[in-house]
Amino acid sequence: MEDKTMPTTRSSDFEHAIHSANIWLKAVAEALGTDDRHFAHRVLRTWLHTLRDRLTVEVSAHLAAQLPELLRGAYYDGWTPSSVPIKYDIDGYVNRFVQEAKVDAEDVPKMAAAVTTVVRDHVSPGTLESALEQLPNDICALLLQPA
């Protein structure tokens, strides 16, 4: 009799995916000055979404390929490729960040810059810069300010 059960995925595959995501979350939490990984995840996810929706599909997919598997899922969650790039200015960026991350507007510049630094440290050279080239100067300046 033929075994029709699905092949099992090695637990080490899942452990690696979790480990990779945790490396990023730990770095974000440290950059934000918190031990709260849930908060760090919410801020990182918001940063990813606010950038993703401002990019073309090609550049967005290139950036996503650099993300750990579990964070790539968060990156693509809720994405509508047919409606990007969404044009918004610095106020639109900050307002969206506030709503999605559930933070105060005055905290957005520091948080966004902190996450930018972490992402830059974890992706291949030039990847983040290619994405940032698609942003208006004021949003790019916000993301690149010293954390």
Protein backbone atom coordinates (compact mmCIF):
# COMPACT_ATOMS: atom_id res chain seq x y z
CA MET A 1 0.00 0.00 0.00
CA GLU A 2 1.34 3.44 -0.97
CA ASP A 3 1.85 6.03 1.76
CA LYS A 4 -0.12 9.12 0.74
CA THR A 5 0.81 11.30 3.67
CA MET A 6 2.56 14.54 2.93
CA PRO A 7 6.31 14.53 3.39
CA THR A 8 7.34 16.08 6.65
CA THR A 9 9.42 19.20 6.67
CA ARG A 10 12.49 18.91 8.80
CA SER A 11 12.09 20.83 12.00
CA SER A 12 15.48 22.41 11.36
CA ASP A 13 13.94 24.26 8.38
CA PHE A 14 11.43 25.91 10.70
CA GLU A 15 14.03 26.50 13.36
CA HIS A 16 16.24 28.27 10.82
CA ALA A 17 13.33 30.47 9.66
CA ILE A 18 12.49 31.39 13.24
CA HIS A 19 16.14 31.98 14.12
CA SER A 20 16.67 34.28 11.13
CA ALA A 21 13.58 36.34 11.95
CA ASN A 22 14.64 36.55 15.60
CA ILE A 23 18.04 37.93 14.63
CA TRP A 24 16.31 40.80 12.83
CA LEU A 25 13.76 41.34 15.61
CA LYS A 26 16.47 41.41 18.25
CA ALA A 27 18.41 43.99 16.24
CA VAL A 28 15.29 46.14 15.77
CA ALA A 29 14.39 45.87 19.45
CA GLU A 30 17.91 46.93 20.42
CA ALA A 31 17.84 49.83 17.97
CA LEU A 32 14.51 50.95 19.44
CA GLY A 33 15.80 50.55 23.00
CA THR A 34 13.22 47.96 24.04
CA ASP A 35 13.00 44.33 25.09
CA ASP A 36 9.48 44.07 23.67
CA ARG A 37 9.78 41.82 20.60
CA HIS A 38 6.07 42.26 19.76
CA PHE A 39 6.55 46.01 19.61
CA ALA A 40 9.74 45.59 17.55
CA HIS A 41 7.85 43.32 15.15
CA ARG A 42 5.00 45.84 14.80
CA VAL A 43 7.42 48.68 14.05
CA LEU A 44 9.49 46.59 11.61
CA ARG A 45 6.34 45.37 9.85
CA THR A 46 5.08 48.95 9.56
CA TRP A 47 8.43 50.11 8.20
CA LEU A 48 8.37 47.31 5.63
CA HIS A 49 4.78 48.07 4.56
CA THR A 50 5.25 51.82 4.29
CA LEU A 51 8.32 51.31 2.13
CA ARG A 52 6.86 48.41 0.10
CA ASP A 53 3.79 50.35 -0.96
CA ARG A 54 5.88 53.28 -2.22
CA LEU A 55 8.00 51.03 -4.48
CA THR A 56 7.50 49.53 -7.91
CA VAL A 57 6.71 45.81 -7.98
CA GLU A 58 10.19 44.95 -9.30
CA VAL A 59 12.11 46.87 -6.64
CA SER A 60 9.73 45.66 -3.94
CA ALA A 61 10.27 42.02 -4.92
CA HIS A 62 14.04 42.54 -4.99
CA LEU A 63 13.97 43.89 -1.44
CA ALA A 64 11.66 41.10 -0.27
CA ALA A 65 14.09 38.49 -1.54
CA GLN A 66 16.60 39.76 1.04
CA LEU A 67 14.26 39.28 3.99
CA PRO A 68 14.16 36.25 6.26
CA GLU A 69 11.39 33.87 5.25
CA LEU A 70 9.03 34.73 8.11
CA LEU A 71 9.51 38.46 7.66
CA ARG A 72 8.96 38.08 3.92
CA GLY A 73 5.51 36.74 4.76
CA ALA A 74 4.82 39.81 6.90
CA TYR A 75 6.17 42.01 4.11
CA TYR A 76 3.76 40.61 1.54
CA ASP A 77 0.78 40.42 3.91
CA GLY A 78 -1.96 42.68 2.56
CA TRP A 79 0.03 43.74 -0.51
CA THR A 80 -1.86 44.67 -3.66
CA PRO A 81 0.77 44.77 -6.42
CA SER A 82 -1.67 46.22 -8.94
CA SER A 83 -2.05 49.39 -6.86
CA VAL A 84 1.58 50.27 -6.23
CA PRO A 85 3.44 52.49 -6.03
CA ILE A 86 1.14 54.51 -3.80
CA LYS A 87 2.13 58.15 -3.85
CA TYR A 88 2.17 59.84 -0.46
CA ASP A 89 4.20 62.65 1.00
CA ILE A 90 5.99 62.85 4.34
CA ASP A 91 2.76 63.60 6.22
CA GLY A 92 1.09 60.61 4.59
CA TYR A 93 4.06 58.43 5.50
CA VAL A 94 4.04 59.55 9.13
CA ASN A 95 0.26 59.20 9.43
CA ARG A 96 0.34 55.68 8.02
CA PHE A 97 3.23 54.74 10.31
CA VAL A 98 1.32 56.09 13.32
CA GLN A 99 -1.82 54.14 12.44
CA GLU A 100 -0.17 50.83 11.64
CA ALA A 101 2.52 50.82 14.36
CA LYS A 102 0.28 52.46 16.97
CA VAL A 103 2.93 54.99 17.95
CA ASP A 104 3.02 58.75 18.40
CA ALA A 105 3.88 60.89 15.38
CA GLU A 106 6.84 62.50 17.15
CA ASP A 107 8.38 59.02 17.59
CA VAL A 108 8.19 58.08 13.91
CA PRO A 109 11.43 59.76 12.74
CA LYS A 110 13.56 58.02 15.38
CA MET A 111 11.85 54.65 14.89
CA ALA A 112 11.96 54.76 11.11
CA ALA A 113 15.64 55.72 11.12
CA ALA A 114 16.46 52.95 13.60
CA VAL A 115 14.78 50.30 11.47
CA THR A 116 16.44 51.66 8.32
CA THR A 117 19.83 51.17 9.96
CA VAL A 118 19.00 47.59 10.93
CA VAL A 119 17.68 46.70 7.49
CA ARG A 120 20.73 48.23 5.81
CA ASP A 121 22.95 46.09 8.05
CA HIS A 122 21.10 42.89 7.12
CA VAL A 123 20.60 43.14 3.34
CA SER A 124 23.11 42.99 0.52
CA PRO A 125 24.96 46.23 -0.25
CA GLY A 126 22.97 48.49 -2.56
CA THR A 127 19.63 46.73 -2.03
CA LEU A 128 18.18 49.30 0.34
CA GLU A 129 19.68 52.19 -1.61
CA SER A 130 17.90 50.99 -4.79
CA ALA A 131 14.61 51.05 -2.92
CA LEU A 132 15.23 54.42 -1.30
CA GLU A 133 15.92 56.00 -4.69
CA GLN A 134 12.21 55.63 -5.46
CA LEU A 135 11.15 57.72 -2.47
CA PRO A 136 10.58 61.46 -2.34
CA ASN A 137 13.53 63.31 -0.84
CA ASP A 138 11.74 64.20 2.41
CA ILE A 139 10.74 60.59 3.16
CA CYS A 140 14.21 59.38 2.24
CA ALA A 141 15.75 61.99 4.55
CA LEU A 142 13.48 60.84 7.38
CA LEU A 143 14.58 57.22 6.94
CA LEU A 144 18.27 58.08 6.63
CA GLN A 145 18.62 60.48 9.53
CA PRO A 146 20.87 59.36 12.39
CA ALA A 147 18.96 56.93 14.63
